[in-house]
Amino acid sequence: MKPEERRELLNQLRAELVKLETQRARGFVEKPGRIREIRRAIARILTIEREERRPSA
């Protein structure tokens, strides 16, 4: 996946996470497990980006 595609996906996931967190605060979430999936996907993308930025030793 290209860095631009990862950035776009990251933005989409963050927007969806905000939406689901808002629903959870109101007391209604259709798929509560989706919050966990999104958080993990965000972490994976950020990990990949950090690894690519890190200088090779």
Protein backbone atom coordinates (compact mmCIF):
# COMPACT_ATOMS: atom_id res chain seq x y z
CA MET A 1 0.00 0.00 0.00
CA LYS A 2 1.33 3.43 -0.92
CA PRO A 3 1.89 6.03 1.83
CA GLU A 4 -0.87 8.23 0.36
CA GLU A 5 -3.33 5.34 0.46
CA ARG A 6 -2.37 4.57 4.05
CA ARG A 7 -2.91 8.21 5.03
CA GLU A 8 -6.35 8.20 3.39
CA LEU A 9 -7.31 4.94 5.10
CA LEU A 10 -6.04 6.28 8.42
CA ASN A 11 -8.22 9.39 8.07
CA GLN A 12 -11.26 7.27 7.21
CA LEU A 13 -10.69 4.96 10.17
CA ARG A 14 -10.26 7.86 12.56
CA ALA A 15 -13.49 9.45 11.33
CA GLU A 16 -15.36 6.16 11.78
CA LEU A 17 -13.87 5.76 15.26
CA VAL A 18 -15.09 9.21 16.29
CA LYS A 19 -18.57 8.34 15.01
CA LEU A 20 -18.64 5.06 16.94
CA GLU A 21 -17.25 6.65 20.11
CA THR A 22 -20.03 9.23 19.91
CA GLN A 23 -22.61 6.47 19.55
CA ARG A 24 -21.11 4.63 22.51
CA ALA A 25 -21.30 7.79 24.63
CA ARG A 26 -25.00 8.06 23.79
CA GLY A 27 -25.52 4.45 24.77
CA PHE A 28 -26.12 2.91 21.37
CA VAL A 29 -23.54 1.06 19.30
CA GLU A 30 -24.67 -1.40 16.66
CA LYS A 31 -21.34 -3.26 16.54
CA PRO A 32 -19.26 -2.63 19.66
CA GLY A 33 -16.49 -4.95 18.45
CA ARG A 34 -15.91 -2.67 15.48
CA ILE A 35 -14.38 -0.04 17.80
CA ARG A 36 -11.67 -2.48 18.79
CA GLU A 37 -11.03 -3.49 15.18
CA ILE A 38 -10.64 0.12 14.10
CA ARG A 39 -8.28 0.96 16.96
CA ARG A 40 -6.08 -2.01 16.06
CA ALA A 41 -6.07 -1.10 12.35
CA ILE A 42 -5.02 2.45 13.22
CA ALA A 43 -2.22 1.10 15.40
CA ARG A 44 -1.01 -1.16 12.58
CA ILE A 45 -0.89 1.70 10.10
CA LEU A 46 0.98 3.94 12.53
CA THR A 47 3.46 1.16 13.28
CA ILE A 48 4.19 0.66 9.59
CA GLU A 49 4.71 4.40 9.12
CA ARG A 50 7.09 4.59 12.07
CA GLU A 51 9.09 1.61 10.80
CA GLU A 52 9.46 3.22 7.39
CA ARG A 53 10.65 6.51 8.91
CA ARG A 54 13.16 4.81 11.18
CA PRO A 55 16.69 4.79 9.76
CA SER A 56 18.06 1.38 8.85
CA ALA A 57 20.70 0.17 11.25
